[in-house]
């Protein structure tokens, strides 16, 4: 745990590689000191079709799914730790958002084969 899902506008691939997005989110998650290295799962999803209002604005949206039970302060720490990794991004006219979502422990199942 956690599952870090990075959604981004396809046009950004001209400016930043998906592997760089993964690295930034991974580093921010690790720097939060809330998770062990081997437990961080990170993946990307590109969107060719998107719209904000009546405009097509580039975006990066990171959703981090974690098991329930962490305080609001720790969830906020995780969000800010990830967002801090994007401070050096040199892209104009972009929206970057981070959302921490809880998974109910009682309904979570896992199988590793």
PDB file of N, CA and C in Angstrom:
ATOM      1  N   UNK A   1       0.875  -1.148   0.000  1.00  0.00           N
ATOM      2  CA  UNK A   1       0.000   0.000   0.000  1.00  0.00           C
ATOM      3  C   UNK A   1       0.925   1.214   0.000  1.00  0.00           C
ATOM      4  N   UNK A   2       0.790   2.243  -0.544  1.00  0.00           N
ATOM      5  CA  UNK A   2      -0.345   2.866  -1.216  1.00  0.00           C
ATOM      6  C   UNK A   2      -0.365   2.582  -2.725  1.00  0.00           C
ATOM      7  N   UNK A   3      -1.525   2.871  -3.326  1.00  0.00           N
ATOM      8  CA  UNK A   3      -1.661   2.829  -4.771  1.00  0.00           C
ATOM      9  C   UNK A   3      -1.690   4.275  -5.253  1.00  0.00           C
ATOM     10  N   UNK A   4      -0.695   4.656  -6.039  1.00  0.00           N
ATOM     11  CA  UNK A   4      -0.576   6.025  -6.558  1.00  0.00           C
ATOM     12  C   UNK A   4      -0.942   5.999  -8.045  1.00  0.00           C
ATOM     13  N   UNK A   5      -2.018   6.669  -8.398  1.00  0.00           N
ATOM     14  CA  UNK A   5      -2.511   6.670  -9.772  1.00  0.00           C
ATOM     15  C   UNK A   5      -2.367   8.083 -10.318  1.00  0.00           C
ATOM     16  N   UNK A   6      -1.564   8.211 -11.359  1.00  0.00           N
ATOM     17  CA  UNK A   6      -1.266   9.517 -11.947  1.00  0.00           C
ATOM     18  C   UNK A   6      -2.023   9.646 -13.257  1.00  0.00           C
ATOM     19  N   UNK A   7      -2.965  10.564 -13.299  1.00  0.00           N
ATOM     20  CA  UNK A   7      -3.675  10.881 -14.530  1.00  0.00           C
ATOM     21  C   UNK A   7      -3.061  12.165 -15.086  1.00  0.00           C
ATOM     22  N   UNK A   8      -2.889  12.211 -16.403  1.00  0.00           N
ATOM     23  CA  UNK A   8      -2.279  13.413 -16.990  1.00  0.00           C
ATOM     24  C   UNK A   8      -2.754  13.598 -18.421  1.00  0.00           C
ATOM     25  N   UNK A   9      -2.685  14.839 -18.891  1.00  0.00           N
ATOM     26  CA  UNK A   9      -3.056  15.133 -20.273  1.00  0.00           C
ATOM     27  C   UNK A   9      -1.925  14.706 -21.203  1.00  0.00           C
ATOM     28  N   UNK A  10      -2.304  14.030 -22.273  1.00  0.00           N
ATOM     29  CA  UNK A  10      -1.342  13.442 -23.215  1.00  0.00           C
ATOM     30  C   UNK A  10      -0.359  14.474 -23.764  1.00  0.00           C
ATOM     31  N   UNK A  11      -0.808  15.727 -23.934  1.00  0.00           N
ATOM     32  CA  UNK A  11       0.073  16.763 -24.479  1.00  0.00           C
ATOM     33  C   UNK A  11       1.320  16.984 -23.629  1.00  0.00           C
ATOM     34  N   UNK A  12       1.245  16.629 -22.364  1.00  0.00           N
ATOM     35  CA  UNK A  12       2.398  16.810 -21.469  1.00  0.00           C
ATOM     36  C   UNK A  12       3.566  15.905 -21.819  1.00  0.00           C
ATOM     37  N   UNK A  13       3.303  14.833 -22.558  1.00  0.00           N
ATOM     38  CA  UNK A  13       4.387  13.903 -22.910  1.00  0.00           C
ATOM     39  C   UNK A  13       5.472  14.572 -23.738  1.00  0.00           C
ATOM     40  N   UNK A  14       5.169  15.725 -24.346  1.00  0.00           N
ATOM     41  CA  UNK A  14       6.181  16.497 -25.073  1.00  0.00           C
ATOM     42  C   UNK A  14       7.115  17.222 -24.115  1.00  0.00           C
ATOM     43  N   UNK A  15       6.692  17.362 -22.840  1.00  0.00           N
ATOM     44  CA  UNK A  15       7.457  18.143 -21.873  1.00  0.00           C
ATOM     45  C   UNK A  15       7.980  17.323 -20.701  1.00  0.00           C
ATOM     46  N   UNK A  16       7.289  16.241 -20.364  1.00  0.00           N
ATOM     47  CA  UNK A  16       7.703  15.394 -19.254  1.00  0.00           C
ATOM     48  C   UNK A  16       7.280  13.956 -19.553  1.00  0.00           C
ATOM     49  N   UNK A  17       8.178  13.031 -19.321  1.00  0.00           N
ATOM     50  CA  UNK A  17       7.896  11.626 -19.599  1.00  0.00           C
ATOM     51  C   UNK A  17       7.057  11.017 -18.480  1.00  0.00           C
ATOM     52  N   UNK A  18       6.219  10.047 -18.825  1.00  0.00           N
ATOM     53  CA  UNK A  18       5.451   9.352 -17.786  1.00  0.00           C
ATOM     54  C   UNK A  18       6.339   8.749 -16.696  1.00  0.00           C
ATOM     55  N   UNK A  19       7.512   8.272 -17.070  1.00  0.00           N
ATOM     56  CA  UNK A  19       8.430   7.711 -16.071  1.00  0.00           C
ATOM     57  C   UNK A  19       8.915   8.779 -15.094  1.00  0.00           C
ATOM     58  N   UNK A  20       9.019  10.029 -15.553  1.00  0.00           N
ATOM     59  CA  UNK A  20       9.393  11.127 -14.655  1.00  0.00           C
ATOM     60  C   UNK A  20       8.266  11.440 -13.686  1.00  0.00           C
ATOM     61  N   UNK A  21       7.018  11.366 -14.161  1.00  0.00           N
ATOM     62  CA  UNK A  21       5.868  11.555 -13.283  1.00  0.00           C
ATOM     63  C   UNK A  21       5.850  10.484 -12.198  1.00  0.00           C
ATOM     64  N   UNK A  22       6.071   9.249 -12.617  1.00  0.00           N
ATOM     65  CA  UNK A  22       6.116   8.132 -11.658  1.00  0.00           C
ATOM     66  C   UNK A  22       7.203   8.374 -10.625  1.00  0.00           C
ATOM     67  N   UNK A  23       8.373   8.799 -11.074  1.00  0.00           N
ATOM     68  CA  UNK A  23       9.489   9.032 -10.155  1.00  0.00           C
ATOM     69  C   UNK A  23       9.170  10.135  -9.152  1.00  0.00           C
ATOM     70  N   UNK A  24       8.563  11.206  -9.610  1.00  0.00           N
ATOM     71  CA  UNK A  24       8.223  12.316  -8.707  1.00  0.00           C
ATOM     72  C   UNK A  24       7.224  11.865  -7.637  1.00  0.00           C
ATOM     73  N   UNK A  25       6.196  11.155  -8.056  1.00  0.00           N
ATOM     74  CA  UNK A  25       5.178  10.709  -7.100  1.00  0.00           C
ATOM     75  C   UNK A  25       5.772   9.676  -6.146  1.00  0.00           C
ATOM     76  N   UNK A  26       6.575   8.765  -6.678  1.00  0.00           N
ATOM     77  CA  UNK A  26       7.233   7.766  -5.830  1.00  0.00           C
ATOM     78  C   UNK A  26       8.107   8.451  -4.765  1.00  0.00           C
ATOM     79  N   UNK A  27       8.945   9.407  -5.201  1.00  0.00           N
ATOM     80  CA  UNK A  27       9.844  10.092  -4.257  1.00  0.00           C
ATOM     81  C   UNK A  27       9.056  10.852  -3.192  1.00  0.00           C
ATOM     82  N   UNK A  28       8.012  11.552  -3.605  1.00  0.00           N
ATOM     83  CA  UNK A  28       7.199  12.288  -2.645  1.00  0.00           C
ATOM     84  C   UNK A  28       6.524  11.376  -1.647  1.00  0.00           C
ATOM     85  N   UNK A  29       6.047  10.246  -2.119  1.00  0.00           N
ATOM     86  CA  UNK A  29       5.410   9.272  -1.231  1.00  0.00           C
ATOM     87  C   UNK A  29       6.428   8.704  -0.255  1.00  0.00           C
ATOM     88  N   UNK A  30       7.601   8.360  -0.741  1.00  0.00           N
ATOM     89  CA  UNK A  30       8.649   7.805   0.118  1.00  0.00           C
ATOM     90  C   UNK A  30       9.125   8.834   1.140  1.00  0.00           C
ATOM     91  N   UNK A  31       9.286  10.083   0.717  1.00  0.00           N
ATOM     92  CA  UNK A  31       9.759  11.143   1.615  1.00  0.00           C
ATOM     93  C   UNK A  31       8.774  11.468   2.733  1.00  0.00           C
ATOM     94  N   UNK A  32       7.524  11.057   2.574  1.00  0.00           N
ATOM     95  CA  UNK A  32       6.543  11.290   3.638  1.00  0.00           C
ATOM     96  C   UNK A  32       6.849  10.436   4.870  1.00  0.00           C
ATOM     97  N   UNK A  33       7.681   9.411   4.695  1.00  0.00           N
ATOM     98  CA  UNK A  33       8.046   8.475   5.759  1.00  0.00           C
ATOM     99  C   UNK A  33       6.849   7.711   6.317  1.00  0.00           C
ATOM    100  N   UNK A  34       5.808   7.567   5.523  1.00  0.00           N
ATOM    101  CA  UNK A  34       4.626   6.824   5.952  1.00  0.00           C
ATOM    102  C   UNK A  34       4.601   5.390   5.419  1.00  0.00           C
ATOM    103  N   UNK A  35       5.439   5.111   4.406  1.00  0.00           N
ATOM    104  CA  UNK A  35       5.392   3.814   3.733  1.00  0.00           C
ATOM    105  C   UNK A  35       6.799   3.300   3.456  1.00  0.00           C
ATOM    106  N   UNK A  36       6.905   1.983   3.370  1.00  0.00           N
ATOM    107  CA  UNK A  36       8.160   1.340   2.982  1.00  0.00           C
ATOM    108  C   UNK A  36       8.275   1.360   1.456  1.00  0.00           C
ATOM    109  N   UNK A  37       9.488   1.421   0.987  1.00  0.00           N
ATOM    110  CA  UNK A  37       9.792   1.481  -0.438  1.00  0.00           C
ATOM    111  C   UNK A  37       9.037   0.429  -1.244  1.00  0.00           C
ATOM    112  N   UNK A  38       9.134  -0.817  -0.827  1.00  0.00           N
ATOM    113  CA  UNK A  38       8.565  -1.916  -1.613  1.00  0.00           C
ATOM    114  C   UNK A  38       7.037  -1.944  -1.614  1.00  0.00           C
ATOM    115  N   UNK A  39       6.411  -1.125  -0.787  1.00  0.00           N
ATOM    116  CA  UNK A  39       4.949  -1.099  -0.718  1.00  0.00           C
ATOM    117  C   UNK A  39       4.314  -0.043  -1.620  1.00  0.00           C
ATOM    118  N   UNK A  40       5.106   0.847  -2.198  1.00  0.00           N
ATOM    119  CA  UNK A  40       4.581   1.952  -3.007  1.00  0.00           C
ATOM    120  C   UNK A  40       4.349   1.469  -4.436  1.00  0.00           C
ATOM    121  N   UNK A  41       3.105   1.531  -4.879  1.00  0.00           N
ATOM    122  CA  UNK A  41       2.729   1.117  -6.228  1.00  0.00           C
ATOM    123  C   UNK A  41       2.308   2.362  -7.001  1.00  0.00           C
ATOM    124  N   UNK A  42       2.934   2.596  -8.143  1.00  0.00           N
ATOM    125  CA  UNK A  42       2.699   3.827  -8.893  1.00  0.00           C
ATOM    126  C   UNK A  42       2.456   3.503 -10.358  1.00  0.00           C
ATOM    127  N   UNK A  43       1.450   4.154 -10.956  1.00  0.00           N
ATOM    128  CA  UNK A  43       1.136   3.926 -12.362  1.00  0.00           C
ATOM    129  C   UNK A  43       0.536   5.192 -12.985  1.00  0.00           C
ATOM    130  N   UNK A  44       0.550   5.228 -14.312  1.00  0.00           N
ATOM    131  CA  UNK A  44       0.033   6.405 -15.019  1.00  0.00           C
ATOM    132  C   UNK A  44      -1.116   6.028 -15.950  1.00  0.00           C
ATOM    133  N   UNK A  45      -1.958   7.016 -16.182  1.00  0.00           N
ATOM    134  CA  UNK A  45      -3.038   6.920 -17.173  1.00  0.00           C
ATOM    135  C   UNK A  45      -3.041   8.244 -17.927  1.00  0.00           C
ATOM    136  N   UNK A  46      -2.909   8.176 -19.248  1.00  0.00           N
ATOM    137  CA  UNK A  46      -2.930   9.399 -20.055  1.00  0.00           C
ATOM    138  C   UNK A  46      -4.334   9.655 -20.589  1.00  0.00           C
ATOM    139  N   UNK A  47      -4.652  10.928 -20.753  1.00  0.00           N
ATOM    140  CA  UNK A  47      -5.945  11.323 -21.288  1.00  0.00           C
ATOM    141  C   UNK A  47      -5.720  12.215 -22.504  1.00  0.00           C
ATOM    142  N   UNK A  48      -6.184  11.757 -23.643  1.00  0.00           N
ATOM    143  CA  UNK A  48      -6.089  12.554 -24.855  1.00  0.00           C
ATOM    144  C   UNK A  48      -7.239  13.561 -24.921  1.00  0.00           C
ATOM    145  N   UNK A  49      -8.376  13.167 -24.413  1.00  0.00           N
ATOM    146  CA  UNK A  49      -9.569  14.011 -24.449  1.00  0.00           C
ATOM    147  C   UNK A  49      -9.877  14.485 -23.040  1.00  0.00           C
ATOM    148  N   UNK A  50      -9.860  15.797 -22.864  1.00  0.00           N
ATOM    149  CA  UNK A  50     -10.148  16.397 -21.566  1.00  0.00           C
ATOM    150  C   UNK A  50     -10.549  17.846 -21.774  1.00  0.00           C
ATOM    151  N   UNK A  51     -11.225  18.403 -20.774  1.00  0.00           N
ATOM    152  CA  UNK A  51     -11.674  19.789 -20.859  1.00  0.00           C
ATOM    153  C   UNK A  51     -11.903  20.328 -19.461  1.00  0.00           C
ATOM    154  N   UNK A  52     -11.539  21.573 -19.233  1.00  0.00           N
ATOM    155  CA  UNK A  52     -11.816  22.278 -17.988  1.00  0.00           C
ATOM    156  C   UNK A  52     -12.625  23.515 -18.348  1.00  0.00           C
ATOM    157  N   UNK A  53     -13.890  23.523 -17.958  1.00  0.00           N
ATOM    158  CA  UNK A  53     -14.757  24.598 -18.414  1.00  0.00           C
ATOM    159  C   UNK A  53     -14.855  24.529 -19.924  1.00  0.00           C
ATOM    160  N   UNK A  54     -14.548  25.621 -20.597  1.00  0.00           N
ATOM    161  CA  UNK A  54     -14.568  25.606 -22.061  1.00  0.00           C
ATOM    162  C   UNK A  54     -13.158  25.611 -22.642  1.00  0.00           C
ATOM    163  N   UNK A  55     -12.170  25.239 -21.834  1.00  0.00           N
ATOM    164  CA  UNK A  55     -10.771  25.245 -22.271  1.00  0.00           C
ATOM    165  C   UNK A  55     -10.148  23.856 -22.139  1.00  0.00           C
ATOM    166  N   UNK A  56      -9.090  23.658 -22.866  1.00  0.00           N
ATOM    167  CA  UNK A  56      -8.309  22.426 -22.766  1.00  0.00           C
ATOM    168  C   UNK A  56      -7.008  22.778 -22.053  1.00  0.00           C
ATOM    169  N   UNK A  57      -6.994  22.590 -20.730  1.00  0.00           N
ATOM    170  CA  UNK A  57      -5.833  22.932 -19.900  1.00  0.00           C
ATOM    171  C   UNK A  57      -5.109  21.650 -19.530  1.00  0.00           C
ATOM    172  N   UNK A  58      -3.795  21.649 -19.666  1.00  0.00           N
ATOM    173  CA  UNK A  58      -3.014  20.488 -19.273  1.00  0.00           C
ATOM    174  C   UNK A  58      -3.128  20.251 -17.776  1.00  0.00           C
ATOM    175  N   UNK A  59      -3.077  18.987 -17.390  1.00  0.00           N
ATOM    176  CA  UNK A  59      -3.239  18.666 -15.975  1.00  0.00           C
ATOM    177  C   UNK A  59      -2.436  17.439 -15.582  1.00  0.00           C
ATOM    178  N   UNK A  60      -2.140  17.378 -14.300  1.00  0.00           N
ATOM    179  CA  UNK A  60      -1.641  16.173 -13.641  1.00  0.00           C
ATOM    180  C   UNK A  60      -2.504  16.029 -12.390  1.00  0.00           C
ATOM    181  N   UNK A  61      -3.152  14.889 -12.259  1.00  0.00           N
ATOM    182  CA  UNK A  61      -3.948  14.605 -11.072  1.00  0.00           C
ATOM    183  C   UNK A  61      -3.443  13.296 -10.469  1.00  0.00           C
ATOM    184  N   UNK A  62      -3.034  13.361  -9.216  1.00  0.00           N
ATOM    185  CA  UNK A  62      -2.527  12.176  -8.524  1.00  0.00           C
ATOM    186  C   UNK A  62      -3.543  11.777  -7.468  1.00  0.00           C
ATOM    187  N   UNK A  63      -4.013  10.551  -7.563  1.00  0.00           N
ATOM    188  CA  UNK A  63      -4.889   9.977  -6.548  1.00  0.00           C
ATOM    189  C   UNK A  63      -4.089   8.910  -5.820  1.00  0.00           C
ATOM    190  N   UNK A  64      -4.002   9.053  -4.512  1.00  0.00           N
ATOM    191  CA  UNK A  64      -3.275   8.081  -3.700  1.00  0.00           C
ATOM    192  C   UNK A  64      -4.288   7.369  -2.815  1.00  0.00           C
ATOM    193  N   UNK A  65      -4.399   6.075  -3.013  1.00  0.00           N
ATOM    194  CA  UNK A  65      -5.347   5.266  -2.251  1.00  0.00           C
ATOM    195  C   UNK A  65      -4.580   4.552  -1.143  1.00  0.00           C
ATOM    196  N   UNK A  66      -4.992   4.817   0.099  1.00  0.00           N
ATOM    197  CA  UNK A  66      -4.334   4.227   1.261  1.00  0.00           C
ATOM    198  C   UNK A  66      -5.384   3.573   2.158  1.00  0.00           C
ATOM    199  N   UNK A  67      -4.938   2.601   2.959  1.00  0.00           N
ATOM    200  CA  UNK A  67      -5.857   1.984   3.906  1.00  0.00           C
ATOM    201  C   UNK A  67      -6.309   2.992   4.941  1.00  0.00           C
ATOM    202  N   UNK A  68      -7.547   2.891   5.357  1.00  0.00           N
ATOM    203  CA  UNK A  68      -8.118   3.819   6.323  1.00  0.00           C
ATOM    204  C   UNK A  68      -7.395   3.736   7.662  1.00  0.00           C
ATOM    205  N   UNK A  69      -7.511   4.812   8.428  1.00  0.00           N
ATOM    206  CA  UNK A  69      -6.954   4.823   9.772  1.00  0.00           C
ATOM    207  C   UNK A  69      -5.913   5.894  10.023  1.00  0.00           C
ATOM    208  N   UNK A  70      -5.413   6.534   8.985  1.00  0.00           N
ATOM    209  CA  UNK A  70      -4.423   7.595   9.186  1.00  0.00           C
ATOM    210  C   UNK A  70      -5.132   8.919   9.435  1.00  0.00           C
ATOM    211  N   UNK A  71      -4.533   9.735  10.263  1.00  0.00           N
ATOM    212  CA  UNK A  71      -5.145  11.015  10.623  1.00  0.00           C
ATOM    213  C   UNK A  71      -5.171  11.970   9.428  1.00  0.00           C
ATOM    214  N   UNK A  72      -5.997  12.992   9.548  1.00  0.00           N
ATOM    215  CA  UNK A  72      -6.066  14.025   8.511  1.00  0.00           C
ATOM    216  C   UNK A  72      -4.703  14.699   8.357  1.00  0.00           C
ATOM    217  N   UNK A  73      -3.994  14.900   9.445  1.00  0.00           N
ATOM    218  CA  UNK A  73      -2.669  15.533   9.391  1.00  0.00           C
ATOM    219  C   UNK A  73      -1.684  14.683   8.584  1.00  0.00           C
ATOM    220  N   UNK A  74      -1.711  13.368   8.766  1.00  0.00           N
ATOM    221  CA  UNK A  74      -0.805  12.495   8.010  1.00  0.00           C
ATOM    222  C   UNK A  74      -1.193  12.439   6.539  1.00  0.00           C
ATOM    223  N   UNK A  75      -2.483  12.451   6.246  1.00  0.00           N
ATOM    224  CA  UNK A  75      -2.923  12.470   4.845  1.00  0.00           C
ATOM    225  C   UNK A  75      -2.510  13.785   4.183  1.00  0.00           C
ATOM    226  N   UNK A  76      -2.616  14.874   4.908  1.00  0.00           N
ATOM    227  CA  UNK A  76      -2.193  16.174   4.378  1.00  0.00           C
ATOM    228  C   UNK A  76      -0.681  16.204   4.179  1.00  0.00           C
ATOM    229  N   UNK A  77       0.066  15.633   5.098  1.00  0.00           N
ATOM    230  CA  UNK A  77       1.525  15.531   4.963  1.00  0.00           C
ATOM    231  C   UNK A  77       1.891  14.780   3.691  1.00  0.00           C
ATOM    232  N   UNK A  78       1.221  13.672   3.439  1.00  0.00           N
ATOM    233  CA  UNK A  78       1.476  12.879   2.235  1.00  0.00           C
ATOM    234  C   UNK A  78       1.169  13.691   0.980  1.00  0.00           C
ATOM    235  N   UNK A  79       0.037  14.369   0.965  1.00  0.00           N
ATOM    236  CA  UNK A  79      -0.353  15.185  -0.181  1.00  0.00           C
ATOM    237  C   UNK A  79       0.684  16.264  -0.474  1.00  0.00           C
ATOM    238  N   UNK A  80       1.106  16.970   0.557  1.00  0.00           N
ATOM    239  CA  UNK A  80       2.088  18.048   0.373  1.00  0.00           C
ATOM    240  C   UNK A  80       3.458  17.508  -0.012  1.00  0.00           C
ATOM    241  N   UNK A  81       3.827  16.347   0.523  1.00  0.00           N
ATOM    242  CA  UNK A  81       5.116  15.742   0.195  1.00  0.00           C
ATOM    243  C   UNK A  81       5.186  15.408  -1.296  1.00  0.00           C
ATOM    244  N   UNK A  82       4.096  14.900  -1.839  1.00  0.00           N
ATOM    245  CA  UNK A  82       4.046  14.593  -3.274  1.00  0.00           C
ATOM    246  C   UNK A  82       4.033  15.884  -4.089  1.00  0.00           C
ATOM    247  N   UNK A  83       3.200  16.837  -3.693  1.00  0.00           N
ATOM    248  CA  UNK A  83       3.114  18.099  -4.437  1.00  0.00           C
ATOM    249  C   UNK A  83       4.458  18.825  -4.465  1.00  0.00           C
ATOM    250  N   UNK A  84       5.225  18.746  -3.383  1.00  0.00           N
ATOM    251  CA  UNK A  84       6.539  19.391  -3.335  1.00  0.00           C
ATOM    252  C   UNK A  84       7.468  18.894  -4.431  1.00  0.00           C
ATOM    253  N   UNK A  85       7.319  17.656  -4.846  1.00  0.00           N
ATOM    254  CA  UNK A  85       8.175  17.092  -5.905  1.00  0.00           C
ATOM    255  C   UNK A  85       7.921  17.749  -7.259  1.00  0.00           C
ATOM    256  N   UNK A  86       6.796  18.433  -7.387  1.00  0.00           N
ATOM    257  CA  UNK A  86       6.446  19.081  -8.656  1.00  0.00           C
ATOM    258  C   UNK A  86       6.829  20.563  -8.682  1.00  0.00           C
ATOM    259  N   UNK A  87       7.410  21.069  -7.598  1.00  0.00           N
ATOM    260  CA  UNK A  87       7.758  22.494  -7.553  1.00  0.00           C
ATOM    261  C   UNK A  87       8.750  22.899  -8.632  1.00  0.00           C
ATOM    262  N   UNK A  88       9.603  21.990  -9.054  1.00  0.00           N
ATOM    263  CA  UNK A  88      10.622  22.322 -10.058  1.00  0.00           C
ATOM    264  C   UNK A  88      10.153  22.051 -11.491  1.00  0.00           C
ATOM    265  N   UNK A  89       8.893  21.667 -11.645  1.00  0.00           N
ATOM    266  CA  UNK A  89       8.387  21.387 -12.987  1.00  0.00           C
ATOM    267  C   UNK A  89       8.346  22.707 -13.763  1.00  0.00           C
ATOM    268  N   UNK A  90       8.894  22.702 -14.946  1.00  0.00           N
ATOM    269  CA  UNK A  90       9.009  23.929 -15.738  1.00  0.00           C
ATOM    270  C   UNK A  90       8.000  23.892 -16.881  1.00  0.00           C
ATOM    271  N   UNK A  91       6.723  23.827 -16.511  1.00  0.00           N
ATOM    272  CA  UNK A  91       5.646  23.778 -17.497  1.00  0.00           C
ATOM    273  C   UNK A  91       4.643  24.869 -17.130  1.00  0.00           C
ATOM    274  N   UNK A  92       4.272  25.664 -18.112  1.00  0.00           N
ATOM    275  CA  UNK A  92       3.309  26.748 -17.896  1.00  0.00           C
ATOM    276  C   UNK A  92       1.895  26.258 -18.182  1.00  0.00           C
ATOM    277  N   UNK A  93       0.930  26.932 -17.617  1.00  0.00           N
ATOM    278  CA  UNK A  93      -0.491  26.655 -17.841  1.00  0.00           C
ATOM    279  C   UNK A  93      -0.826  25.191 -17.575  1.00  0.00           C
ATOM    280  N   UNK A  94      -0.619  24.775 -16.331  1.00  0.00           N
ATOM    281  CA  UNK A  94      -0.899  23.402 -15.935  1.00  0.00           C
ATOM    282  C   UNK A  94      -1.550  23.399 -14.557  1.00  0.00           C
ATOM    283  N   UNK A  95      -2.457  22.474 -14.352  1.00  0.00           N
ATOM    284  CA  UNK A  95      -3.091  22.274 -13.057  1.00  0.00           C
ATOM    285  C   UNK A  95      -2.562  20.965 -12.472  1.00  0.00           C
ATOM    286  N   UNK A  96      -2.033  21.026 -11.250  1.00  0.00           N
ATOM    287  CA  UNK A  96      -1.516  19.834 -10.574  1.00  0.00           C
ATOM    288  C   UNK A  96      -2.303  19.653  -9.284  1.00  0.00           C
ATOM    289  N   UNK A  97      -2.934  18.505  -9.150  1.00  0.00           N
ATOM    290  CA  UNK A  97      -3.726  18.231  -7.958  1.00  0.00           C
ATOM    291  C   UNK A  97      -3.339  16.881  -7.363  1.00  0.00           C
ATOM    292  N   UNK A  98      -3.421  16.798  -6.034  1.00  0.00           N
ATOM    293  CA  UNK A  98      -3.136  15.572  -5.296  1.00  0.00           C
ATOM    294  C   UNK A  98      -4.350  15.281  -4.415  1.00  0.00           C
ATOM    295  N   UNK A  99      -4.824  14.052  -4.439  1.00  0.00           N
ATOM    296  CA  UNK A  99      -5.955  13.655  -3.600  1.00  0.00           C
ATOM    297  C   UNK A  99      -5.601  12.365  -2.880  1.00  0.00           C
ATOM    298  N   UNK A 100      -5.794  12.344  -1.583  1.00  0.00           N
ATOM    299  CA  UNK A 100      -5.559  11.150  -0.781  1.00  0.00           C
ATOM    300  C   UNK A 100      -6.927  10.538  -0.461  1.00  0.00           C
ATOM    301  N   UNK A 101      -7.138   9.305  -0.857  1.00  0.00           N
ATOM    302  CA  UNK A 101      -8.403   8.604  -0.648  1.00  0.00           C
ATOM    303  C   UNK A 101      -8.167   7.394   0.250  1.00  0.00           C
ATOM    304  N   UNK A 102      -9.117   7.158   1.126  1.00  0.00           N
ATOM    305  CA  UNK A 102      -9.001   6.022   2.032  1.00  0.00           C
ATOM    306  C   UNK A 102      -9.758   4.807   1.489  1.00  0.00           C
ATOM    307  N   UNK A 103      -9.148   3.647   1.650  1.00  0.00           N
ATOM    308  CA  UNK A 103      -9.777   2.370   1.343  1.00  0.00           C
ATOM    309  C   UNK A 103     -10.170   1.753   2.686  1.00  0.00           C
ATOM    310  N   UNK A 104     -11.405   1.339   2.812  1.00  0.00           N
ATOM    311  CA  UNK A 104     -11.830   0.706   4.053  1.00  0.00           C
ATOM    312  C   UNK A 104     -11.068  -0.606   4.252  1.00  0.00           C
ATOM    313  N   UNK A 105     -10.405  -0.726   5.383  1.00  0.00           N
ATOM    314  CA  UNK A 105      -9.646  -1.942   5.692  1.00  0.00           C
ATOM    315  C   UNK A 105     -10.524  -3.186   5.616  1.00  0.00           C
ATOM    316  N   UNK A 106     -11.759  -3.046   6.063  1.00  0.00           N
ATOM    317  CA  UNK A 106     -12.655  -4.197   6.135  1.00  0.00           C
ATOM    318  C   UNK A 106     -13.025  -4.753   4.761  1.00  0.00           C
ATOM    319  N   UNK A 107     -12.958  -3.918   3.729  1.00  0.00           N
ATOM    320  CA  UNK A 107     -13.348  -4.387   2.388  1.00  0.00           C
ATOM    321  C   UNK A 107     -12.159  -4.618   1.463  1.00  0.00           C
ATOM    322  N   UNK A 108     -10.964  -4.392   1.943  1.00  0.00           N
ATOM    323  CA  UNK A 108      -9.768  -4.540   1.100  1.00  0.00           C
ATOM    324  C   UNK A 108      -9.282  -5.977   1.128  1.00  0.00           C
ATOM    325  N   UNK A 109      -9.019  -6.518  -0.046  1.00  0.00           N
ATOM    326  CA  UNK A 109      -8.474  -7.868  -0.175  1.00  0.00           C
ATOM    327  C   UNK A 109      -7.248  -7.810  -1.065  1.00  0.00           C
ATOM    328  N   UNK A 110      -6.331  -8.737  -0.858  1.00  0.00           N
ATOM    329  CA  UNK A 110      -5.107  -8.761  -1.653  1.00  0.00           C
ATOM    330  C   UNK A 110      -4.645 -10.198  -1.831  1.00  0.00           C
ATOM    331  N   UNK A 111      -4.184 -10.499  -3.037  1.00  0.00           N
ATOM    332  CA  UNK A 111      -3.633 -11.804  -3.341  1.00  0.00           C
ATOM    333  C   UNK A 111      -2.364 -11.596  -4.150  1.00  0.00           C
ATOM    334  N   UNK A 112      -1.268 -12.136  -3.681  1.00  0.00           N
ATOM    335  CA  UNK A 112      -0.003 -12.071  -4.426  1.00  0.00           C
ATOM    336  C   UNK A 112       0.391 -13.495  -4.751  1.00  0.00           C
ATOM    337  N   UNK A 113       0.562 -13.774  -6.033  1.00  0.00           N
ATOM    338  CA  UNK A 113       0.896 -15.132  -6.473  1.00  0.00           C
ATOM    339  C   UNK A 113       2.339 -15.232  -6.902  1.00  0.00           C
TER     340      UNK A 113
END
